[in-house]
């Protein structure tokens, strides 16, 4: 049986996929453009939600239509001009009960190693 992640992750830009894994494992900030706004964020959860590959992140700076800092749910397909920064963050944040996400599958999460599909 093929895992959902095997099928879905193949559609993600491989460079971006590897960077998201590394940034979450190493707790490093990301810089990327999403919806025409440059953002700097802590990546926390990377997985599939409602059939869409997404990243849950804490945006620490940059531009957004919402208040910064704050939680963002980003469709990975829409991420452009991405780079992993040298700056680290401390780890998990309490998302609060109203911010918890329901995932179809989590590939990797800060502080919780999920076996990577090959």
Protein backbone atom coordinates (compact mmCIF):
# COMPACT_ATOMS: atom_id res chain seq x y z
CA UNK A 1 0.00 0.00 0.00
CA UNK A 2 1.31 3.45 -0.93
CA UNK A 3 1.28 6.03 1.83
CA UNK A 4 -0.45 9.31 1.15
CA UNK A 5 2.86 11.12 1.65
CA UNK A 6 4.53 9.14 -1.15
CA UNK A 7 1.97 10.34 -3.68
CA UNK A 8 1.42 13.89 -2.44
CA UNK A 9 5.04 14.83 -1.74
CA UNK A 10 6.02 13.93 -5.32
CA UNK A 11 4.00 16.95 -6.49
CA UNK A 12 6.00 19.34 -4.25
CA UNK A 13 9.15 21.00 -5.59
CA UNK A 14 11.89 18.67 -4.33
CA UNK A 15 14.22 21.50 -3.31
CA UNK A 16 11.44 23.07 -1.26
CA UNK A 17 10.47 19.70 0.26
CA UNK A 18 14.05 19.08 1.41
CA UNK A 19 14.37 22.61 2.75
CA UNK A 20 11.16 22.30 4.80
CA UNK A 21 12.36 19.03 6.33
CA UNK A 22 15.77 20.53 7.18
CA UNK A 23 14.36 23.79 8.54
CA UNK A 24 11.97 21.94 10.86
CA UNK A 25 14.60 19.42 12.00
CA UNK A 26 17.17 22.18 12.67
CA UNK A 27 14.62 24.77 13.91
CA UNK A 28 15.75 27.41 11.40
CA UNK A 29 13.76 30.36 10.11
CA UNK A 30 12.51 30.48 6.54
CA UNK A 31 12.17 33.45 4.22
CA UNK A 32 9.67 33.09 1.38
CA UNK A 33 7.12 34.97 -0.67
CA UNK A 34 3.48 33.93 -0.36
CA UNK A 35 0.52 35.82 -1.86
CA UNK A 36 2.93 38.57 -2.97
CA UNK A 37 4.16 39.19 0.60
CA UNK A 38 7.70 38.44 1.78
CA UNK A 39 7.53 36.57 5.08
CA UNK A 40 9.98 35.31 7.67
CA UNK A 41 8.62 32.44 9.69
CA UNK A 42 9.30 29.54 12.03
CA UNK A 43 8.16 26.33 10.29
CA UNK A 44 6.27 24.07 12.71
CA UNK A 45 4.10 21.46 10.93
CA UNK A 46 4.52 20.19 7.37
CA UNK A 47 1.92 17.82 6.00
CA UNK A 48 -1.36 17.31 4.18
CA UNK A 49 -4.61 18.97 5.18
CA UNK A 50 -7.79 18.40 3.17
CA UNK A 51 -5.66 16.91 0.39
CA UNK A 52 -3.39 19.99 0.13
CA UNK A 53 0.29 20.07 1.13
CA UNK A 54 0.59 22.81 3.76
CA UNK A 55 2.98 24.37 6.23
CA UNK A 56 1.86 25.69 9.60
CA UNK A 57 4.28 28.43 10.61
CA UNK A 58 4.66 31.30 13.06
CA UNK A 59 5.35 34.42 11.01
CA UNK A 60 7.81 36.60 12.91
CA UNK A 61 8.28 39.42 10.39
CA UNK A 62 7.55 40.56 6.88
CA UNK A 63 4.22 41.49 5.37
CA UNK A 64 0.81 39.88 5.70
CA UNK A 65 -2.84 40.81 5.49
CA UNK A 66 -3.08 39.58 9.11
CA UNK A 67 -1.29 40.75 12.27
CA UNK A 68 2.42 39.95 12.55
CA UNK A 69 3.63 38.02 14.47
CA UNK A 70 1.06 35.28 14.14
CA UNK A 71 0.18 31.79 12.95
CA UNK A 72 -0.11 31.16 9.21
CA UNK A 73 -1.29 28.14 7.27
CA UNK A 74 0.50 28.24 3.93
CA UNK A 75 -0.23 26.18 0.81
CA UNK A 76 3.26 24.94 -0.06
CA UNK A 77 2.49 25.14 -3.78
CA UNK A 78 2.18 28.93 -3.42
CA UNK A 79 5.57 29.45 -1.75
CA UNK A 80 8.07 31.31 -3.96
CA UNK A 81 11.64 32.62 -3.57
CA UNK A 82 12.20 30.41 -0.52
CA UNK A 83 15.39 30.18 1.51
CA UNK A 84 16.45 28.78 4.86
CA UNK A 85 18.08 31.38 7.09
CA UNK A 86 20.98 30.87 9.50
CA UNK A 87 18.86 32.07 12.42
CA UNK A 88 17.40 29.39 14.72
CA UNK A 89 14.22 29.44 16.82
CA UNK A 90 13.70 27.72 20.16
CA UNK A 91 11.10 25.12 19.16
CA UNK A 92 7.41 24.47 19.61
CA UNK A 93 4.97 27.21 20.48
CA UNK A 94 1.64 26.72 22.17
CA UNK A 95 -0.83 27.22 19.34
CA UNK A 96 -3.74 27.45 21.76
CA UNK A 97 -6.76 25.19 21.49
CA UNK A 98 -8.38 27.44 18.87
CA UNK A 99 -5.34 27.21 16.55
CA UNK A 100 -4.77 23.44 16.49
CA UNK A 101 -4.96 22.03 12.99
CA UNK A 102 -6.53 18.79 11.83
CA UNK A 103 -4.15 17.03 9.44
CA UNK A 104 -4.70 14.16 7.02
CA UNK A 105 -1.01 13.35 7.53
CA UNK A 106 1.93 15.16 9.13
CA UNK A 107 5.28 14.59 7.41
CA UNK A 108 7.31 16.30 10.12
CA UNK A 109 6.60 18.53 13.11
CA UNK A 110 8.90 20.56 15.36
CA UNK A 111 9.91 18.33 18.25
CA UNK A 112 8.32 15.19 16.77
CA UNK A 113 10.27 13.14 14.27
CA UNK A 114 8.00 11.48 11.73
CA UNK A 115 9.67 8.78 9.63
CA UNK A 116 10.45 10.25 6.21
CA UNK A 117 9.01 8.35 3.24
CA UNK A 118 11.63 7.47 0.65
